[in-house]
Amino acid sequence: MEEVVWTTLRLAGLTTVLLLVLATPLAWWLARSPVLVEGGGGRGHDASDHLAAVGAGLLHPDRHRAAEPADDAAARLRIRTLAFTFEGLVIGSMIYSLPFAVQPIRNAFEAMGERPMEVAATLRAAPFDAFVTVALPLARRGFLAAAILVFAHTIGEFGWS
């Protein structure tokens, strides 16, 4: 039982850290993309929801029996698959929890508005410097919400039961 708890906590922690790194540029792009902003953001939300469905399939392969022939063929050819490995769990968890990371960060970037970045530009801050010193600190609550959601979602989905 103790090993399962530590594996779950390790999975949730690693998934959270990796998703915060991966979701940040994606959320920034979704928040700043003129097509997505003007169109209500529907396309970005749909894409992350579809990725979550793919992640669910990776985390719960027993619910999708169509993969068994491919798994058997891979075993016969001695090809290592990610199924039932920690790496596979991390990838599945990242895909499945991606919307829980992107949405709060995106919302924080959108709530920030354009003004702080415009002010940074008038002070001759390079775009990356302005992002690191202005946008990231202003979006800290979004990052905190994303971290809590991803960690809790991963524990809830993987669990130790």
C-alpha atoms as a PDB file:
ATOM      1  CA  MET A   1       0.000   0.000   0.000  1.00  0.00           C
ATOM      2  CA  GLU A   2       2.810   2.411   0.866  1.00  0.00           C
ATOM      3  CA  GLU A   3       4.383   1.974  -2.573  1.00  0.00           C
ATOM      4  CA  VAL A   4       1.089   2.849  -4.268  1.00  0.00           C
ATOM      5  CA  VAL A   5       0.755   6.032  -2.207  1.00  0.00           C
ATOM      6  CA  TRP A   6       4.303   7.144  -3.058  1.00  0.00           C
ATOM      7  CA  THR A   7       3.805   6.315  -6.735  1.00  0.00           C
ATOM      8  CA  THR A   8       0.588   8.335  -6.772  1.00  0.00           C
ATOM      9  CA  LEU A   9       2.199  11.321  -5.057  1.00  0.00           C
ATOM     10  CA  ARG A  10       5.231  11.120  -7.354  1.00  0.00           C
ATOM     11  CA  LEU A  11       2.950  10.934 -10.403  1.00  0.00           C
ATOM     12  CA  ALA A  12       0.826  13.873  -9.232  1.00  0.00           C
ATOM     13  CA  GLY A  13       3.876  16.000  -8.395  1.00  0.00           C
ATOM     14  CA  LEU A  14       5.684  15.303 -11.648  1.00  0.00           C
ATOM     15  CA  THR A  15       2.535  15.787 -13.716  1.00  0.00           C
ATOM     16  CA  THR A  16       1.888  19.111 -11.970  1.00  0.00           C
ATOM     17  CA  VAL A  17       5.395  20.464 -12.555  1.00  0.00           C
ATOM     18  CA  LEU A  18       5.559  19.327 -16.171  1.00  0.00           C
ATOM     19  CA  LEU A  19       2.101  20.651 -16.972  1.00  0.00           C
ATOM     20  CA  LEU A  20       2.808  24.056 -15.461  1.00  0.00           C
ATOM     21  CA  VAL A  21       5.820  24.309 -17.770  1.00  0.00           C
ATOM     22  CA  LEU A  22       3.910  23.006 -20.815  1.00  0.00           C
ATOM     23  CA  ALA A  23       0.648  24.865 -20.161  1.00  0.00           C
ATOM     24  CA  THR A  24       2.235  28.291 -19.671  1.00  0.00           C
ATOM     25  CA  PRO A  25       3.183  29.004 -23.307  1.00  0.00           C
ATOM     26  CA  LEU A  26       0.003  27.292 -24.528  1.00  0.00           C
ATOM     27  CA  ALA A  27      -2.183  29.399 -22.207  1.00  0.00           C
ATOM     28  CA  TRP A  28      -0.308  32.553 -23.225  1.00  0.00           C
ATOM     29  CA  TRP A  29      -0.859  31.767 -26.897  1.00  0.00           C
ATOM     30  CA  LEU A  30      -4.556  30.984 -26.333  1.00  0.00           C
ATOM     31  CA  ALA A  31      -5.020  34.198 -24.328  1.00  0.00           C
ATOM     32  CA  ARG A  32      -3.228  36.354 -26.921  1.00  0.00           C
ATOM     33  CA  SER A  33      -4.307  34.733 -30.186  1.00  0.00           C
ATOM     34  CA  PRO A  34      -6.595  37.207 -31.987  1.00  0.00           C
ATOM     35  CA  VAL A  35      -8.628  34.453 -33.657  1.00  0.00           C
ATOM     36  CA  LEU A  36      -9.333  32.717 -30.374  1.00  0.00           C
ATOM     37  CA  VAL A  37      -9.953  35.898 -28.391  1.00  0.00           C
ATOM     38  CA  GLU A  38     -12.378  37.366 -30.949  1.00  0.00           C
ATOM     39  CA  GLY A  39     -14.100  34.036 -31.511  1.00  0.00           C
ATOM     40  CA  GLY A  40     -14.863  33.519 -27.829  1.00  0.00           C
ATOM     41  CA  GLY A  41     -12.103  30.994 -27.262  1.00  0.00           C
ATOM     42  CA  GLY A  42     -14.223  28.030 -28.301  1.00  0.00           C
ATOM     43  CA  ARG A  43     -11.623  26.361 -30.465  1.00  0.00           C
ATOM     44  CA  GLY A  44      -8.994  26.336 -27.719  1.00  0.00           C
ATOM     45  CA  HIS A  45     -11.399  24.871 -25.204  1.00  0.00           C
ATOM     46  CA  ASP A  46     -12.470  22.140 -27.637  1.00  0.00           C
ATOM     47  CA  ALA A  47      -8.879  21.110 -28.374  1.00  0.00           C
ATOM     48  CA  SER A  48      -7.972  20.723 -24.707  1.00  0.00           C
ATOM     49  CA  ASP A  49     -11.153  18.735 -24.087  1.00  0.00           C
ATOM     50  CA  HIS A  50     -10.284  16.353 -26.932  1.00  0.00           C
ATOM     51  CA  LEU A  51      -6.792  15.880 -25.515  1.00  0.00           C
ATOM     52  CA  ALA A  52      -8.353  15.025 -22.151  1.00  0.00           C
ATOM     53  CA  ALA A  53     -10.351  12.259 -23.807  1.00  0.00           C
ATOM     54  CA  VAL A  54      -7.167  10.846 -25.350  1.00  0.00           C
ATOM     55  CA  GLY A  55      -5.462  10.969 -21.945  1.00  0.00           C
ATOM     56  CA  ALA A  56      -8.371   9.119 -20.381  1.00  0.00           C
ATOM     57  CA  GLY A  57      -7.888   6.346 -22.906  1.00  0.00           C
ATOM     58  CA  LEU A  58      -4.206   6.140 -22.055  1.00  0.00           C
ATOM     59  CA  LEU A  59      -4.861   6.044 -18.314  1.00  0.00           C
ATOM     60  CA  HIS A  60      -7.605   3.456 -18.569  1.00  0.00           C
ATOM     61  CA  PRO A  61      -6.551   1.018 -21.284  1.00  0.00           C
ATOM     62  CA  ASP A  62      -8.716  -1.705 -19.739  1.00  0.00           C
ATOM     63  CA  ARG A  63     -11.766   0.318 -20.820  1.00  0.00           C
ATOM     64  CA  HIS A  64     -10.618   0.223 -24.435  1.00  0.00           C
ATOM     65  CA  ARG A  65     -10.059  -3.382 -25.455  1.00  0.00           C
ATOM     66  CA  ALA A  66      -9.302  -2.507 -29.092  1.00  0.00           C
ATOM     67  CA  ALA A  67      -5.657  -1.919 -28.134  1.00  0.00           C
ATOM     68  CA  GLU A  68      -5.069  -5.558 -27.093  1.00  0.00           C
ATOM     69  CA  PRO A  69      -4.077  -6.923 -30.546  1.00  0.00           C
ATOM     70  CA  ALA A  70      -1.548  -4.091 -30.953  1.00  0.00           C
ATOM     71  CA  ASP A  71      -0.172  -4.780 -27.461  1.00  0.00           C
ATOM     72  CA  ASP A  72       0.167  -8.492 -28.253  1.00  0.00           C
ATOM     73  CA  ALA A  73       1.986  -7.730 -31.510  1.00  0.00           C
ATOM     74  CA  ALA A  74       4.357  -5.345 -29.725  1.00  0.00           C
ATOM     75  CA  ALA A  75       5.114  -8.014 -27.127  1.00  0.00           C
ATOM     76  CA  ARG A  76       5.852 -10.612 -29.812  1.00  0.00           C
ATOM     77  CA  LEU A  77       8.210  -8.189 -31.568  1.00  0.00           C
ATOM     78  CA  ARG A  78       9.805  -7.263 -28.217  1.00  0.00           C
ATOM     79  CA  ILE A  79       8.873  -3.622 -28.660  1.00  0.00           C
ATOM     80  CA  ARG A  80       8.602  -1.777 -25.373  1.00  0.00           C
ATOM     81  CA  THR A  81       5.315   0.057 -24.999  1.00  0.00           C
ATOM     82  CA  LEU A  82       4.413   2.761 -22.530  1.00  0.00           C
ATOM     83  CA  ALA A  83       1.369   0.868 -21.285  1.00  0.00           C
ATOM     84  CA  PHE A  84       1.542   0.153 -17.563  1.00  0.00           C
ATOM     85  CA  THR A  85       4.847   1.999 -17.099  1.00  0.00           C
ATOM     86  CA  PHE A  86       5.420   5.072 -14.950  1.00  0.00           C
ATOM     87  CA  GLU A  87       6.401   7.061 -18.045  1.00  0.00           C
ATOM     88  CA  GLY A  88       3.143   6.062 -19.702  1.00  0.00           C
ATOM     89  CA  LEU A  89       1.211   7.125 -16.631  1.00  0.00           C
ATOM     90  CA  VAL A  90       2.936  10.524 -16.661  1.00  0.00           C
ATOM     91  CA  ILE A  91       2.146  11.071 -20.346  1.00  0.00           C
ATOM     92  CA  GLY A  92      -1.463   9.956 -19.920  1.00  0.00           C
ATOM     93  CA  SER A  93      -1.888  12.088 -16.803  1.00  0.00           C
ATOM     94  CA  MET A  94      -0.409  15.116 -18.543  1.00  0.00           C
ATOM     95  CA  ILE A  95      -2.734  14.788 -21.509  1.00  0.00           C
ATOM     96  CA  TYR A  96      -5.753  14.039 -19.312  1.00  0.00           C
ATOM     97  CA  SER A  97      -5.084  16.947 -16.933  1.00  0.00           C
ATOM     98  CA  LEU A  98      -4.002  19.487 -19.558  1.00  0.00           C
ATOM     99  CA  PRO A  99      -7.302  21.437 -19.497  1.00  0.00           C
ATOM    100  CA  PHE A 100      -7.016  21.768 -15.702  1.00  0.00           C
ATOM    101  CA  ALA A 101      -3.649  23.477 -16.171  1.00  0.00           C
ATOM    102  CA  VAL A 102      -4.364  25.581 -19.246  1.00  0.00           C
ATOM    103  CA  GLN A 103      -7.730  27.087 -18.271  1.00  0.00           C
ATOM    104  CA  PRO A 104      -6.763  28.842 -15.003  1.00  0.00           C
ATOM    105  CA  ILE A 105      -3.488  30.123 -16.435  1.00  0.00           C
ATOM    106  CA  ARG A 106      -5.213  31.321 -19.589  1.00  0.00           C
ATOM    107  CA  ASN A 107      -7.886  33.057 -17.530  1.00  0.00           C
ATOM    108  CA  ALA A 108      -5.205  34.783 -15.444  1.00  0.00           C
ATOM    109  CA  PHE A 109      -3.410  35.996 -18.567  1.00  0.00           C
ATOM    110  CA  GLU A 110      -6.682  37.265 -20.048  1.00  0.00           C
ATOM    111  CA  ALA A 111      -7.633  39.035 -16.788  1.00  0.00           C
ATOM    112  CA  MET A 112      -4.277  40.791 -16.796  1.00  0.00           C
ATOM    113  CA  GLY A 113      -5.202  42.631 -19.985  1.00  0.00           C
ATOM    114  CA  GLU A 114      -2.842  44.291 -22.445  1.00  0.00           C
ATOM    115  CA  ARG A 115      -1.892  47.357 -20.406  1.00  0.00           C
ATOM    116  CA  PRO A 116       0.917  45.863 -18.247  1.00  0.00           C
ATOM    117  CA  MET A 117       2.659  44.445 -21.308  1.00  0.00           C
ATOM    118  CA  GLU A 118       2.272  47.753 -23.160  1.00  0.00           C
ATOM    119  CA  VAL A 119       3.839  49.595 -20.218  1.00  0.00           C
ATOM    120  CA  ALA A 120       6.730  47.117 -20.151  1.00  0.00           C
ATOM    121  CA  ALA A 121       7.242  47.664 -23.881  1.00  0.00           C
ATOM    122  CA  THR A 122       7.356  51.450 -23.435  1.00  0.00           C
ATOM    123  CA  LEU A 123      10.064  50.902 -20.816  1.00  0.00           C
ATOM    124  CA  ARG A 124      11.975  48.969 -23.496  1.00  0.00           C
ATOM    125  CA  ALA A 125      11.640  45.564 -21.897  1.00  0.00           C
ATOM    126  CA  ALA A 126      12.258  42.731 -24.332  1.00  0.00           C
ATOM    127  CA  PRO A 127       9.155  40.575 -24.895  1.00  0.00           C
ATOM    128  CA  PHE A 128      10.573  37.616 -22.965  1.00  0.00           C
ATOM    129  CA  ASP A 129      11.742  39.843 -20.098  1.00  0.00           C
ATOM    130  CA  ALA A 130       8.313  41.477 -19.924  1.00  0.00           C
ATOM    131  CA  PHE A 131       6.682  38.054 -19.892  1.00  0.00           C
ATOM    132  CA  VAL A 132       8.897  36.810 -17.048  1.00  0.00           C
ATOM    133  CA  THR A 133       8.888  39.971 -14.936  1.00  0.00           C
ATOM    134  CA  VAL A 134       5.364  41.241 -15.601  1.00  0.00           C
ATOM    135  CA  ALA A 135       2.990  38.566 -16.945  1.00  0.00           C
ATOM    136  CA  LEU A 136       4.090  35.626 -14.800  1.00  0.00           C
ATOM    137  CA  PRO A 137       3.883  37.490 -11.461  1.00  0.00           C
ATOM    138  CA  LEU A 138       0.486  38.960 -12.379  1.00  0.00           C
ATOM    139  CA  ALA A 139      -0.797  35.472 -13.242  1.00  0.00           C
ATOM    140  CA  ARG A 140       0.436  33.806 -10.027  1.00  0.00           C
ATOM    141  CA  ARG A 141      -3.092  33.052  -8.786  1.00  0.00           C
ATOM    142  CA  GLY A 142      -3.824  31.260 -12.034  1.00  0.00           C
ATOM    143  CA  PHE A 143      -0.672  29.190 -11.575  1.00  0.00           C
ATOM    144  CA  LEU A 144      -1.648  28.336  -8.015  1.00  0.00           C
ATOM    145  CA  ALA A 145      -5.139  27.308  -9.109  1.00  0.00           C
ATOM    146  CA  ALA A 146      -3.703  25.247 -11.970  1.00  0.00           C
ATOM    147  CA  ALA A 147      -1.232  23.478  -9.659  1.00  0.00           C
ATOM    148  CA  ILE A 148      -3.934  22.598  -7.141  1.00  0.00           C
ATOM    149  CA  LEU A 149      -6.352  21.408  -9.826  1.00  0.00           C
ATOM    150  CA  VAL A 150      -3.792  19.277 -11.666  1.00  0.00           C
ATOM    151  CA  PHE A 151      -2.421  17.714  -8.477  1.00  0.00           C
ATOM    152  CA  ALA A 152      -5.895  16.930  -7.121  1.00  0.00           C
ATOM    153  CA  HIS A 153      -7.161  15.690 -10.488  1.00  0.00           C
ATOM    154  CA  THR A 154      -4.196  13.368 -10.911  1.00  0.00           C
ATOM    155  CA  ILE A 155      -4.585  11.929  -7.418  1.00  0.00           C
ATOM    156  CA  GLY A 156      -8.318  11.551  -7.942  1.00  0.00           C
ATOM    157  CA  GLU A 157      -7.927   9.866 -11.298  1.00  0.00           C
ATOM    158  CA  PHE A 158      -5.000   7.610 -10.499  1.00  0.00           C
ATOM    159  CA  GLY A 159      -5.737   7.223  -6.803  1.00  0.00           C
ATOM    160  CA  TRP A 160      -4.394   4.558  -4.512  1.00  0.00           C
ATOM    161  CA  SER A 161      -7.349   2.254  -4.404  1.00  0.00           C
END
